[in-house]
Amino acid sequence: MNETITFALLSFTSFFTLINPIGTMPIFMTMTSELEHKNRVRTARKAVIISFITIIAFALSGQLLFNFFGISVNSFRIVGGVIFFLMGMDMLQARLGKVKVKESEIKTYVNDISVTPLAIPMICGPGAITNSIVLMEDATSVGKIVALFIAIFLVLLLTFIILASSSKIIKFLGETGKNVMMRLMGLIVMVIAVEFFFSGLKPILLDIFN
């Protein structure tokens, strides 16, 4: 029983650190700043549901999906880095905040950003996917498997609550504060993108030269 509780705590803390909902929130705020509260909540809910399904799918299938499609976690990191970098450039130039979404296009916009980049690779990134595969292999009993799934659910529930509450922070910051935060986070996102890109590229290059 103690071993299962320890495993559950390890699963929760590792997923919370890797998903990092607090770090995701400023980007979410920027991309949904022109949406009404109900549409912002809907975006957060859809992104979290997609992330949950994706993480569980990788946990259950392990390396089978990667092997089937002939891809690696490192390739996933490189693609994630490119997406992050382009998004960071838009944020640095305050372009995302100026995007006006027409009423007729809100549903399409919500569907687009809730899948990419919010669900994949921001919430459900290479780290979270790799972690799900590794922890599932370590879950040697039914109790540990249940504990793993509960931990994933709780982390993503917290992620949804944090993202859904971002509207209050947007109101508090105001237009100027929002633009300052957007540019600052744009710079940080670009740095993260570079780290993502090279952390995926380095092992691939080492394999090629070896």
C-alpha atoms as a PDB file:
ATOM      1  CA  MET A   1       0.000   0.000   0.000  1.00  0.00           C
ATOM      2  CA  ASN A   2       2.817   2.412   0.925  1.00  0.00           C
ATOM      3  CA  GLU A   3       4.561   1.543  -2.319  1.00  0.00           C
ATOM      4  CA  THR A   4       1.433   2.447  -4.302  1.00  0.00           C
ATOM      5  CA  ILE A   5       1.053   5.783  -2.479  1.00  0.00           C
ATOM      6  CA  THR A   6       4.716   6.592  -3.149  1.00  0.00           C
ATOM      7  CA  PHE A   7       4.235   5.741  -6.815  1.00  0.00           C
ATOM      8  CA  ALA A   8       1.098   7.920  -6.954  1.00  0.00           C
ATOM      9  CA  LEU A   9       2.964  10.900  -5.436  1.00  0.00           C
ATOM     10  CA  LEU A  10       5.841  10.396  -7.867  1.00  0.00           C
ATOM     11  CA  SER A  11       3.391  10.292 -10.800  1.00  0.00           C
ATOM     12  CA  PHE A  12       1.551  13.424  -9.665  1.00  0.00           C
ATOM     13  CA  THR A  13       4.647  15.540  -9.002  1.00  0.00           C
ATOM     14  CA  SER A  14       6.433  14.480 -12.196  1.00  0.00           C
ATOM     15  CA  PHE A  15       3.402  15.183 -14.419  1.00  0.00           C
ATOM     16  CA  PHE A  16       2.661  18.500 -12.709  1.00  0.00           C
ATOM     17  CA  THR A  17       6.272  19.608 -13.237  1.00  0.00           C
ATOM     18  CA  LEU A  18       6.399  18.490 -16.865  1.00  0.00           C
ATOM     19  CA  ILE A  19       2.965  19.860 -17.862  1.00  0.00           C
ATOM     20  CA  ASN A  20       3.614  23.066 -15.863  1.00  0.00           C
ATOM     21  CA  PRO A  21       0.102  24.613 -16.042  1.00  0.00           C
ATOM     22  CA  ILE A  22       1.305  27.834 -14.386  1.00  0.00           C
ATOM     23  CA  GLY A  23       3.876  28.310 -17.150  1.00  0.00           C
ATOM     24  CA  THR A  24       1.273  27.489 -19.799  1.00  0.00           C
ATOM     25  CA  MET A  25      -1.237  30.015 -18.447  1.00  0.00           C
ATOM     26  CA  PRO A  26       0.352  33.249 -19.836  1.00  0.00           C
ATOM     27  CA  ILE A  27       0.455  31.761 -23.353  1.00  0.00           C
ATOM     28  CA  PHE A  28      -3.144  30.578 -23.001  1.00  0.00           C
ATOM     29  CA  MET A  29      -4.144  34.043 -21.780  1.00  0.00           C
ATOM     30  CA  THR A  30      -2.524  35.653 -24.811  1.00  0.00           C
ATOM     31  CA  MET A  31      -4.089  33.324 -27.364  1.00  0.00           C
ATOM     32  CA  THR A  32      -7.585  33.604 -25.874  1.00  0.00           C
ATOM     33  CA  SER A  33      -7.554  37.274 -24.798  1.00  0.00           C
ATOM     34  CA  GLU A  34     -10.136  38.258 -27.437  1.00  0.00           C
ATOM     35  CA  LEU A  35     -12.543  35.448 -26.535  1.00  0.00           C
ATOM     36  CA  GLU A  36     -15.433  35.657 -24.100  1.00  0.00           C
ATOM     37  CA  HIS A  37     -15.129  33.811 -20.791  1.00  0.00           C
ATOM     38  CA  LYS A  38     -17.365  30.898 -21.896  1.00  0.00           C
ATOM     39  CA  ASN A  39     -15.299  30.350 -25.068  1.00  0.00           C
ATOM     40  CA  ARG A  40     -12.054  30.598 -23.087  1.00  0.00           C
ATOM     41  CA  VAL A  41     -13.324  27.932 -20.675  1.00  0.00           C
ATOM     42  CA  ARG A  42     -14.444  25.773 -23.607  1.00  0.00           C
ATOM     43  CA  THR A  43     -10.976  26.070 -25.171  1.00  0.00           C
ATOM     44  CA  ALA A  44      -9.291  25.069 -21.905  1.00  0.00           C
ATOM     45  CA  ARG A  45     -11.678  22.132 -21.418  1.00  0.00           C
ATOM     46  CA  LYS A  46     -11.136  20.776 -24.930  1.00  0.00           C
ATOM     47  CA  ALA A  47      -7.336  21.161 -24.717  1.00  0.00           C
ATOM     48  CA  VAL A  48      -7.251  19.307 -21.382  1.00  0.00           C
ATOM     49  CA  ILE A  49      -9.528  16.483 -22.625  1.00  0.00           C
ATOM     50  CA  ILE A  50      -7.399  15.989 -25.748  1.00  0.00           C
ATOM     51  CA  SER A  51      -4.244  15.998 -23.588  1.00  0.00           C
ATOM     52  CA  PHE A  52      -5.731  13.417 -21.215  1.00  0.00           C
ATOM     53  CA  ILE A  53      -6.720  11.079 -24.070  1.00  0.00           C
ATOM     54  CA  THR A  54      -3.291  11.475 -25.713  1.00  0.00           C
ATOM     55  CA  ILE A  55      -1.319  10.800 -22.519  1.00  0.00           C
ATOM     56  CA  ILE A  56      -3.449   7.759 -21.652  1.00  0.00           C
ATOM     57  CA  ALA A  57      -3.106   6.441 -25.224  1.00  0.00           C
ATOM     58  CA  PHE A  58       0.688   6.667 -25.069  1.00  0.00           C
ATOM     59  CA  ALA A  59       0.741   5.161 -21.575  1.00  0.00           C
ATOM     60  CA  LEU A  60      -1.288   2.139 -22.728  1.00  0.00           C
ATOM     61  CA  SER A  61       0.455   1.634 -26.052  1.00  0.00           C
ATOM     62  CA  GLY A  62       3.970   2.358 -24.819  1.00  0.00           C
ATOM     63  CA  GLN A  63       6.518   2.426 -27.600  1.00  0.00           C
ATOM     64  CA  LEU A  64       4.178   0.699 -30.080  1.00  0.00           C
ATOM     65  CA  LEU A  65       2.850   3.956 -31.572  1.00  0.00           C
ATOM     66  CA  PHE A  66       6.315   5.431 -31.941  1.00  0.00           C
ATOM     67  CA  ASN A  67       7.590   2.222 -33.567  1.00  0.00           C
ATOM     68  CA  PHE A  68       4.530   1.912 -35.822  1.00  0.00           C
ATOM     69  CA  PHE A  69       4.940   5.417 -37.250  1.00  0.00           C
ATOM     70  CA  GLY A  70       8.731   5.222 -37.209  1.00  0.00           C
ATOM     71  CA  ILE A  71       9.149   8.355 -35.079  1.00  0.00           C
ATOM     72  CA  SER A  72      11.036   9.105 -31.893  1.00  0.00           C
ATOM     73  CA  VAL A  73      10.596  11.363 -28.887  1.00  0.00           C
ATOM     74  CA  ASN A  74      13.546  13.403 -30.163  1.00  0.00           C
ATOM     75  CA  SER A  75      11.720  14.127 -33.438  1.00  0.00           C
ATOM     76  CA  PHE A  76       8.722  15.182 -31.378  1.00  0.00           C
ATOM     77  CA  ARG A  77      10.955  17.584 -29.424  1.00  0.00           C
ATOM     78  CA  ILE A  78      12.281  19.162 -32.632  1.00  0.00           C
ATOM     79  CA  VAL A  79       8.787  19.749 -34.050  1.00  0.00           C
ATOM     80  CA  GLY A  80       7.614  21.100 -30.698  1.00  0.00           C
ATOM     81  CA  GLY A  81      10.586  23.468 -30.661  1.00  0.00           C
ATOM     82  CA  VAL A  82       9.733  24.843 -34.113  1.00  0.00           C
ATOM     83  CA  ILE A  83       6.070  25.405 -33.150  1.00  0.00           C
ATOM     84  CA  PHE A  84       7.090  27.104 -29.897  1.00  0.00           C
ATOM     85  CA  PHE A  85       9.622  29.343 -31.678  1.00  0.00           C
ATOM     86  CA  LEU A  86       7.116  30.603 -34.267  1.00  0.00           C
ATOM     87  CA  MET A  87       4.545  31.202 -31.551  1.00  0.00           C
ATOM     88  CA  GLY A  88       7.140  33.017 -29.432  1.00  0.00           C
ATOM     89  CA  MET A  89       7.988  35.350 -32.321  1.00  0.00           C
ATOM     90  CA  ASP A  90       4.334  36.303 -32.700  1.00  0.00           C
ATOM     91  CA  MET A  91       4.085  36.956 -28.970  1.00  0.00           C
ATOM     92  CA  LEU A  92       7.295  39.008 -28.934  1.00  0.00           C
ATOM     93  CA  GLN A  93       5.841  41.284 -31.597  1.00  0.00           C
ATOM     94  CA  ALA A  94       2.479  41.401 -29.775  1.00  0.00           C
ATOM     95  CA  ARG A  95       0.738  39.976 -32.834  1.00  0.00           C
ATOM     96  CA  LEU A  96      -1.289  37.324 -31.033  1.00  0.00           C
ATOM     97  CA  GLY A  97      -2.957  39.896 -28.816  1.00  0.00           C
ATOM     98  CA  LYS A  98      -4.172  41.858 -31.810  1.00  0.00           C
ATOM     99  CA  VAL A  99      -5.936  38.961 -33.451  1.00  0.00           C
ATOM    100  CA  LYS A 100      -9.641  39.742 -33.636  1.00  0.00           C
ATOM    101  CA  VAL A 101     -11.824  36.679 -33.968  1.00  0.00           C
ATOM    102  CA  LYS A 102     -15.115  37.121 -35.799  1.00  0.00           C
ATOM    103  CA  GLU A 103     -18.217  35.674 -34.172  1.00  0.00           C
ATOM    104  CA  SER A 104     -18.668  33.243 -37.078  1.00  0.00           C
ATOM    105  CA  GLU A 105     -15.067  32.028 -36.764  1.00  0.00           C
ATOM    106  CA  ILE A 106     -14.909  31.571 -32.973  1.00  0.00           C
ATOM    107  CA  LYS A 107     -15.812  27.859 -33.072  1.00  0.00           C
ATOM    108  CA  THR A 108     -13.132  27.125 -35.696  1.00  0.00           C
ATOM    109  CA  TYR A 109     -10.543  29.198 -33.810  1.00  0.00           C
ATOM    110  CA  VAL A 110     -11.293  27.406 -30.523  1.00  0.00           C
ATOM    111  CA  ASN A 111     -11.024  24.001 -32.228  1.00  0.00           C
ATOM    112  CA  ASP A 112      -7.726  24.939 -33.898  1.00  0.00           C
ATOM    113  CA  ILE A 113      -5.820  26.312 -30.895  1.00  0.00           C
ATOM    114  CA  SER A 114      -7.237  23.792 -28.408  1.00  0.00           C
ATOM    115  CA  VAL A 115      -5.581  20.961 -30.369  1.00  0.00           C
ATOM    116  CA  THR A 116      -2.377  22.716 -31.510  1.00  0.00           C
ATOM    117  CA  PRO A 117      -0.501  24.278 -29.830  1.00  0.00           C
ATOM    118  CA  LEU A 118      -2.417  24.156 -26.511  1.00  0.00           C
ATOM    119  CA  ALA A 119      -3.030  20.405 -26.123  1.00  0.00           C
ATOM    120  CA  ILE A 120      -0.049  19.321 -28.231  1.00  0.00           C
ATOM    121  CA  PRO A 121       2.767  20.174 -27.559  1.00  0.00           C
ATOM    122  CA  MET A 122       2.160  22.672 -24.712  1.00  0.00           C
ATOM    123  CA  ILE A 123       0.164  20.583 -22.211  1.00  0.00           C
ATOM    124  CA  CYS A 124       0.893  17.148 -23.648  1.00  0.00           C
ATOM    125  CA  GLY A 125       4.510  17.633 -24.687  1.00  0.00           C
ATOM    126  CA  PRO A 126       7.390  15.186 -25.236  1.00  0.00           C
ATOM    127  CA  GLY A 127       8.185  15.165 -21.528  1.00  0.00           C
ATOM    128  CA  ALA A 128       4.649  14.224 -20.457  1.00  0.00           C
ATOM    129  CA  ILE A 129       4.381  11.551 -23.168  1.00  0.00           C
ATOM    130  CA  THR A 130       7.756  10.012 -22.287  1.00  0.00           C
ATOM    131  CA  ASN A 131       6.868  10.139 -18.590  1.00  0.00           C
ATOM    132  CA  SER A 132       3.585   8.295 -19.206  1.00  0.00           C
ATOM    133  CA  ILE A 133       5.398   5.514 -21.098  1.00  0.00           C
ATOM    134  CA  VAL A 134       8.124   5.124 -18.458  1.00  0.00           C
ATOM    135  CA  LEU A 135       5.726   5.187 -15.466  1.00  0.00           C
ATOM    136  CA  MET A 136       3.350   2.726 -17.139  1.00  0.00           C
ATOM    137  CA  GLU A 137       6.240   0.298 -17.531  1.00  0.00           C
ATOM    138  CA  ASP A 138       7.064   0.775 -13.826  1.00  0.00           C
ATOM    139  CA  ALA A 139       3.428   0.177 -12.793  1.00  0.00           C
ATOM    140  CA  THR A 140       3.755  -3.507 -11.925  1.00  0.00           C
ATOM    141  CA  SER A 141       0.368  -3.868 -10.200  1.00  0.00           C
ATOM    142  CA  VAL A 142      -3.267  -2.915 -10.783  1.00  0.00           C
ATOM    143  CA  GLY A 143      -3.089  -0.514  -7.841  1.00  0.00           C
ATOM    144  CA  LYS A 144      -0.157   1.349  -9.386  1.00  0.00           C
ATOM    145  CA  ILE A 145      -1.878   1.555 -12.783  1.00  0.00           C
ATOM    146  CA  VAL A 146      -5.000   3.032 -11.138  1.00  0.00           C
ATOM    147  CA  ALA A 147      -2.812   5.429  -9.131  1.00  0.00           C
ATOM    148  CA  LEU A 148      -1.065   6.557 -12.333  1.00  0.00           C
ATOM    149  CA  PHE A 149      -4.361   7.275 -14.119  1.00  0.00           C
ATOM    150  CA  ILE A 150      -5.741   9.142 -11.078  1.00  0.00           C
ATOM    151  CA  ALA A 151      -2.545  11.235 -10.877  1.00  0.00           C
ATOM    152  CA  ILE A 152      -2.800  12.158 -14.579  1.00  0.00           C
ATOM    153  CA  PHE A 153      -6.480  13.060 -14.141  1.00  0.00           C
ATOM    154  CA  LEU A 154      -5.806  15.259 -11.082  1.00  0.00           C
ATOM    155  CA  VAL A 155      -2.928  17.124 -12.762  1.00  0.00           C
ATOM    156  CA  LEU A 156      -5.031  17.846 -15.833  1.00  0.00           C
ATOM    157  CA  LEU A 157      -7.998  18.860 -13.669  1.00  0.00           C
ATOM    158  CA  LEU A 158      -5.727  21.393 -11.929  1.00  0.00           C
ATOM    159  CA  THR A 159      -4.496  22.522 -15.341  1.00  0.00           C
ATOM    160  CA  PHE A 160      -8.076  23.172 -16.452  1.00  0.00           C
ATOM    161  CA  ILE A 161      -8.875  25.133 -13.275  1.00  0.00           C
ATOM    162  CA  ILE A 162      -5.753  27.303 -13.690  1.00  0.00           C
ATOM    163  CA  LEU A 163      -6.404  28.000 -17.381  1.00  0.00           C
ATOM    164  CA  ALA A 164     -10.115  28.669 -16.860  1.00  0.00           C
ATOM    165  CA  SER A 165      -9.245  31.238 -14.161  1.00  0.00           C
ATOM    166  CA  SER A 166      -6.974  33.198 -16.517  1.00  0.00           C
ATOM    167  CA  SER A 167      -9.828  35.607 -17.439  1.00  0.00           C
ATOM    168  CA  LYS A 168      -9.619  37.176 -13.968  1.00  0.00           C
ATOM    169  CA  ILE A 169      -5.887  37.746 -14.414  1.00  0.00           C
ATOM    170  CA  ILE A 170      -6.445  39.315 -17.858  1.00  0.00           C
ATOM    171  CA  LYS A 171      -8.911  41.810 -16.340  1.00  0.00           C
ATOM    172  CA  PHE A 172      -6.461  42.622 -13.546  1.00  0.00           C
ATOM    173  CA  LEU A 173      -3.524  43.235 -15.902  1.00  0.00           C
ATOM    174  CA  GLY A 174      -5.367  45.456 -18.380  1.00  0.00           C
ATOM    175  CA  GLU A 175      -4.277  46.074 -22.001  1.00  0.00           C
ATOM    176  CA  THR A 176      -0.802  47.455 -21.185  1.00  0.00           C
ATOM    177  CA  GLY A 177      -0.003  44.739 -18.665  1.00  0.00           C
ATOM    178  CA  LYS A 178      -1.217  42.093 -21.087  1.00  0.00           C
ATOM    179  CA  ASN A 179       1.073  43.346 -23.873  1.00  0.00           C
ATOM    180  CA  VAL A 180       4.079  43.563 -21.536  1.00  0.00           C
ATOM    181  CA  MET A 181       3.476  40.011 -20.284  1.00  0.00           C
ATOM    182  CA  MET A 182       2.951  38.772 -23.840  1.00  0.00           C
ATOM    183  CA  ARG A 183       6.311  40.145 -25.015  1.00  0.00           C
ATOM    184  CA  LEU A 184       8.087  38.823 -21.929  1.00  0.00           C
ATOM    185  CA  MET A 185       6.537  35.377 -22.285  1.00  0.00           C
ATOM    186  CA  GLY A 186       7.290  35.442 -26.022  1.00  0.00           C
ATOM    187  CA  LEU A 187      10.986  35.749 -25.200  1.00  0.00           C
ATOM    188  CA  ILE A 188      10.771  32.938 -22.650  1.00  0.00           C
ATOM    189  CA  VAL A 189       8.841  30.703 -25.060  1.00  0.00           C
ATOM    190  CA  MET A 190      11.520  31.246 -27.740  1.00  0.00           C
ATOM    191  CA  VAL A 191      14.223  30.219 -25.257  1.00  0.00           C
ATOM    192  CA  ILE A 192      12.222  27.114 -24.338  1.00  0.00           C
ATOM    193  CA  ALA A 193      11.811  26.406 -28.074  1.00  0.00           C
ATOM    194  CA  VAL A 194      15.574  26.501 -28.637  1.00  0.00           C
ATOM    195  CA  GLU A 195      16.099  24.122 -25.689  1.00  0.00           C
ATOM    196  CA  PHE A 196      13.413  21.785 -27.059  1.00  0.00           C
ATOM    197  CA  PHE A 197      14.902  21.861 -30.549  1.00  0.00           C
ATOM    198  CA  PHE A 198      18.504  21.144 -29.572  1.00  0.00           C
ATOM    199  CA  SER A 199      17.591  18.575 -26.911  1.00  0.00           C
ATOM    200  CA  GLY A 200      15.935  16.614 -29.735  1.00  0.00           C
ATOM    201  CA  LEU A 201      18.574  17.367 -32.382  1.00  0.00           C
ATOM    202  CA  LYS A 202      21.641  16.469 -30.302  1.00  0.00           C
ATOM    203  CA  PRO A 203      20.846  12.717 -29.847  1.00  0.00           C
ATOM    204  CA  ILE A 204      19.927  12.423 -33.545  1.00  0.00           C
ATOM    205  CA  LEU A 205      23.227  14.008 -34.639  1.00  0.00           C
ATOM    206  CA  LEU A 206      25.190  11.807 -32.231  1.00  0.00           C
ATOM    207  CA  ASP A 207      23.532   8.720 -33.751  1.00  0.00           C
ATOM    208  CA  ILE A 208      24.363   9.908 -37.270  1.00  0.00           C
ATOM    209  CA  PHE A 209      28.043  10.581 -36.503  1.00  0.00           C
ATOM    210  CA  ASN A 210      28.410   7.365 -34.534  1.00  0.00           C
END
